[in-house]
Amino acid sequence: MQERLEQAFVFIVNLNIFNKKISLICFSFFFFFVGKLGDLDQAEKVFSSMTKHNIVSYNILLNLYGLYRQPDR
């Protein structure tokens, strides 16, 4: 499963070259999906690798922290 997540991440990074707006949406969904799978550390890495953040991406990150009861992060 980790290999597929890495492939999806590479795909989204490559998509960023062509269309930044679509990429922001894809990155937000991707790190939400990774976080919902329980890998909060990987979700944070994806969030950190995003070149641009918006209110949706910050909201997703805060919701993931609340979901896994980690308000100190």
C-alpha atoms as a PDB file:
ATOM      1  CA  MET A   1       0.000   0.000   0.000  1.00  0.00           C
ATOM      2  CA  GLN A   2       2.883   2.338   0.785  1.00  0.00           C
ATOM      3  CA  GLU A   3       4.142   1.936  -2.777  1.00  0.00           C
ATOM      4  CA  ARG A   4       0.783   3.027  -4.201  1.00  0.00           C
ATOM      5  CA  LEU A   5       0.716   6.065  -1.934  1.00  0.00           C
ATOM      6  CA  GLU A   6       4.179   7.028  -3.143  1.00  0.00           C
ATOM      7  CA  GLN A   7       3.071   6.612  -6.767  1.00  0.00           C
ATOM      8  CA  ALA A   8       0.036   8.836  -6.133  1.00  0.00           C
ATOM      9  CA  PHE A   9       2.266  11.432  -4.481  1.00  0.00           C
ATOM     10  CA  VAL A  10       4.627  11.479  -7.480  1.00  0.00           C
ATOM     11  CA  PHE A  11       1.648  11.835  -9.810  1.00  0.00           C
ATOM     12  CA  ILE A  12       0.349  14.852  -7.876  1.00  0.00           C
ATOM     13  CA  VAL A  13       3.792  16.455  -7.767  1.00  0.00           C
ATOM     14  CA  ASN A  14       4.045  16.071 -11.547  1.00  0.00           C
ATOM     15  CA  LEU A  15       0.537  17.484 -11.928  1.00  0.00           C
ATOM     16  CA  ASN A  16       1.731  20.575 -10.074  1.00  0.00           C
ATOM     17  CA  ILE A  17       3.937  21.429 -13.057  1.00  0.00           C
ATOM     18  CA  PHE A  18       0.939  21.757 -15.373  1.00  0.00           C
ATOM     19  CA  ASN A  19      -1.873  23.192 -13.266  1.00  0.00           C
ATOM     20  CA  LYS A  20      -1.295  24.630  -9.819  1.00  0.00           C
ATOM     21  CA  LYS A  21      -4.993  25.045  -8.958  1.00  0.00           C
ATOM     22  CA  ILE A  22      -5.842  21.406  -9.646  1.00  0.00           C
ATOM     23  CA  SER A  23      -2.716  20.360  -7.826  1.00  0.00           C
ATOM     24  CA  LEU A  24      -3.779  22.192  -4.649  1.00  0.00           C
ATOM     25  CA  ILE A  25      -7.094  20.350  -4.683  1.00  0.00           C
ATOM     26  CA  CYS A  26      -5.374  17.005  -5.312  1.00  0.00           C
ATOM     27  CA  PHE A  27      -2.766  17.582  -2.610  1.00  0.00           C
ATOM     28  CA  SER A  28      -5.506  18.493  -0.118  1.00  0.00           C
ATOM     29  CA  PHE A  29      -7.500  15.386  -0.925  1.00  0.00           C
ATOM     30  CA  PHE A  30      -4.405  13.199  -0.908  1.00  0.00           C
ATOM     31  CA  PHE A  31      -3.174  14.229   2.509  1.00  0.00           C
ATOM     32  CA  PHE A  32      -6.733  13.953   3.870  1.00  0.00           C
ATOM     33  CA  PHE A  33      -6.899  10.400   2.499  1.00  0.00           C
ATOM     34  CA  VAL A  34      -3.502   9.467   3.945  1.00  0.00           C
ATOM     35  CA  GLY A  35      -4.509  10.942   7.298  1.00  0.00           C
ATOM     36  CA  LYS A  36      -7.797   9.054   7.347  1.00  0.00           C
ATOM     37  CA  LEU A  37      -5.845   5.851   6.764  1.00  0.00           C
ATOM     38  CA  GLY A  38      -4.136   6.567  10.080  1.00  0.00           C
ATOM     39  CA  ASP A  39      -0.733   7.766   8.909  1.00  0.00           C
ATOM     40  CA  LEU A  40      -0.745  11.257  10.379  1.00  0.00           C
ATOM     41  CA  ASP A  41       3.032  11.651  10.052  1.00  0.00           C
ATOM     42  CA  GLN A  42       2.861  10.956   6.311  1.00  0.00           C
ATOM     43  CA  ALA A  43      -0.086  13.342   5.987  1.00  0.00           C
ATOM     44  CA  GLU A  44       2.009  16.068   7.638  1.00  0.00           C
ATOM     45  CA  LYS A  45       4.838  15.403   5.184  1.00  0.00           C
ATOM     46  CA  VAL A  46       2.460  15.781   2.251  1.00  0.00           C
ATOM     47  CA  PHE A  47       1.068  18.992   3.772  1.00  0.00           C
ATOM     48  CA  SER A  48       4.585  20.354   4.262  1.00  0.00           C
ATOM     49  CA  SER A  49       5.527  19.536   0.686  1.00  0.00           C
ATOM     50  CA  MET A  50       2.615  21.565  -0.684  1.00  0.00           C
ATOM     51  CA  THR A  51       3.854  24.781  -2.272  1.00  0.00           C
ATOM     52  CA  LYS A  52       0.677  26.644  -1.399  1.00  0.00           C
ATOM     53  CA  HIS A  53      -1.884  26.232   1.372  1.00  0.00           C
ATOM     54  CA  ASN A  54      -5.434  27.478   1.602  1.00  0.00           C
ATOM     55  CA  ILE A  55      -8.150  27.472   4.229  1.00  0.00           C
ATOM     56  CA  VAL A  56      -9.320  24.031   3.111  1.00  0.00           C
ATOM     57  CA  SER A  57      -5.901  22.422   3.540  1.00  0.00           C
ATOM     58  CA  TYR A  58      -5.416  23.982   6.994  1.00  0.00           C
ATOM     59  CA  ASN A  59      -8.909  22.872   7.998  1.00  0.00           C
ATOM     60  CA  ILE A  60      -8.198  19.296   6.888  1.00  0.00           C
ATOM     61  CA  LEU A  61      -4.987  19.226   8.904  1.00  0.00           C
ATOM     62  CA  LEU A  62      -6.698  20.548  12.030  1.00  0.00           C
ATOM     63  CA  ASN A  63      -9.512  18.031  11.638  1.00  0.00           C
ATOM     64  CA  LEU A  64      -7.000  15.189  11.362  1.00  0.00           C
ATOM     65  CA  TYR A  65      -5.328  16.342  14.576  1.00  0.00           C
ATOM     66  CA  GLY A  66      -8.712  16.347  16.282  1.00  0.00           C
ATOM     67  CA  LEU A  67      -9.628  12.956  14.833  1.00  0.00           C
ATOM     68  CA  TYR A  68      -6.537  11.338  16.329  1.00  0.00           C
ATOM     69  CA  ARG A  69      -6.712  13.412  19.535  1.00  0.00           C
ATOM     70  CA  GLN A  70      -3.399  15.169  19.061  1.00  0.00           C
ATOM     71  CA  PRO A  71      -4.175  18.816  19.799  1.00  0.00           C
ATOM     72  CA  ASP A  72      -0.600  19.534  20.895  1.00  0.00           C
ATOM     73  CA  ARG A  73       0.700  19.214  17.320  1.00  0.00           C
END
